[in-house]
Amino acid sequence: MVWQGKRLPVVRIARRWRTPEGPAFSVDTDQGLPFELHYNEMGDVWTIQLLAELDSKAPGPGEQAEDRLAYDNHNRGQDNNLAESP
């Protein structure tokens, strides 16, 4: 997955569920950062939310810890993978 312009490989899917909009996942990256990913099937958009950071750079007042990524179905298997193969 890509977060704030940086590629972060997903090393673990801790939880998966389905919402009325589409699938959702709780994942951990190779840097130990936990994220929640939601896919809106109608809008073809991923919402990525950082759940906590290891260092104390948590968002301050007026800042958001959320990035919205447009996910083009034609790019599946390229740069927008949720997890990378070993």
Protein backbone atom coordinates (compact mmCIF):
# COMPACT_ATOMS: atom_id res chain seq x y z
CA MET A 1 0.00 0.00 0.00
CA VAL A 2 1.04 3.63 -0.38
CA TRP A 3 0.76 6.05 2.56
CA GLN A 4 1.71 9.73 2.19
CA GLY A 5 3.69 8.95 -0.95
CA LYS A 6 5.69 6.11 0.64
CA ARG A 7 5.28 2.44 -0.21
CA LEU A 8 4.59 0.39 2.96
CA PRO A 9 4.42 -3.38 2.48
CA VAL A 10 1.64 -5.07 4.46
CA VAL A 11 3.02 -7.95 6.53
CA ARG A 12 -0.13 -9.01 8.37
CA ILE A 13 -3.88 -8.76 7.92
CA ALA A 14 -5.07 -8.74 11.53
CA ARG A 15 -8.78 -8.59 10.76
CA ARG A 16 -11.08 -8.48 7.75
CA TRP A 17 -14.78 -7.68 7.54
CA ARG A 18 -17.37 -6.36 5.16
CA THR A 19 -19.24 -3.06 5.39
CA PRO A 20 -22.25 -2.05 3.29
CA GLU A 21 -19.80 -0.13 1.05
CA GLY A 22 -17.31 -2.99 0.60
CA PRO A 23 -14.47 -4.92 2.25
CA ALA A 24 -12.41 -3.55 5.13
CA PHE A 25 -9.12 -4.67 6.67
CA SER A 26 -7.03 -4.01 9.75
CA VAL A 27 -3.37 -4.45 8.73
CA ASP A 28 0.18 -4.04 9.99
CA THR A 29 3.01 -2.77 7.81
CA ASP A 30 6.64 -3.87 7.80
CA GLN A 31 7.41 -0.81 9.95
CA GLY A 32 4.93 -1.95 12.60
CA LEU A 33 2.34 0.74 11.80
CA PRO A 34 -1.30 -0.37 12.13
CA PHE A 35 -3.78 0.81 9.48
CA GLU A 36 -7.44 0.34 8.74
CA LEU A 37 -8.30 0.03 5.04
CA HIS A 38 -11.81 0.43 3.64
CA TYR A 39 -12.77 -0.09 0.02
CA ASN A 40 -15.82 1.66 -1.39
CA GLU A 41 -16.91 -0.55 -4.28
CA MET A 42 -19.35 1.96 -5.79
CA GLY A 43 -16.81 4.80 -5.79
CA ASP A 44 -13.82 2.52 -6.52
CA VAL A 45 -11.91 4.33 -3.73
CA TRP A 46 -9.74 3.11 -0.86
CA THR A 47 -9.77 4.95 2.47
CA ILE A 48 -6.64 4.40 4.56
CA GLN A 49 -6.51 5.44 8.20
CA LEU A 50 -3.46 5.25 10.43
CA LEU A 51 -4.57 3.83 13.80
CA ALA A 52 -1.46 4.75 15.83
CA GLU A 53 2.17 5.63 15.29
CA LEU A 54 5.18 4.16 17.05
CA ASP A 55 6.89 7.52 17.38
CA SER A 56 5.03 10.45 18.89
CA LYS A 57 4.16 12.10 15.57
CA ALA A 58 0.43 11.67 16.02
CA PRO A 59 -1.65 14.26 14.20
CA GLY A 60 -2.10 17.48 16.10
CA PRO A 61 -5.21 19.68 16.22
CA GLY A 62 -6.51 20.39 12.74
CA GLU A 63 -4.45 17.59 11.15
CA GLN A 64 -5.84 14.41 9.68
CA ALA A 65 -4.33 10.93 9.81
CA GLU A 66 -6.22 9.82 6.74
CA ASP A 67 -5.36 9.60 3.07
CA ARG A 68 -7.86 8.85 0.35
CA LEU A 69 -6.53 7.02 -2.66
CA ALA A 70 -8.33 6.61 -5.94
CA TYR A 71 -7.78 3.01 -6.95
CA ASP A 72 -7.88 2.36 -10.67
CA ASN A 73 -9.02 -1.18 -11.43
CA HIS A 74 -6.70 -1.22 -14.43
CA ASN A 75 -3.67 -0.86 -12.13
CA ARG A 76 -4.37 -3.92 -9.98
CA GLY A 77 -1.21 -5.89 -9.49
CA GLN A 78 1.00 -2.85 -9.95
CA ASP A 79 1.77 -0.03 -7.46
CA ASN A 80 -1.47 -0.16 -5.47
CA ASN A 81 -1.20 -3.66 -3.97
CA LEU A 82 -2.40 -4.07 -0.41
CA ALA A 83 0.19 -6.75 0.22
CA GLU A 84 3.35 -7.72 -1.58
CA SER A 85 4.46 -11.24 -2.37
CA PRO A 86 7.52 -12.46 -0.46
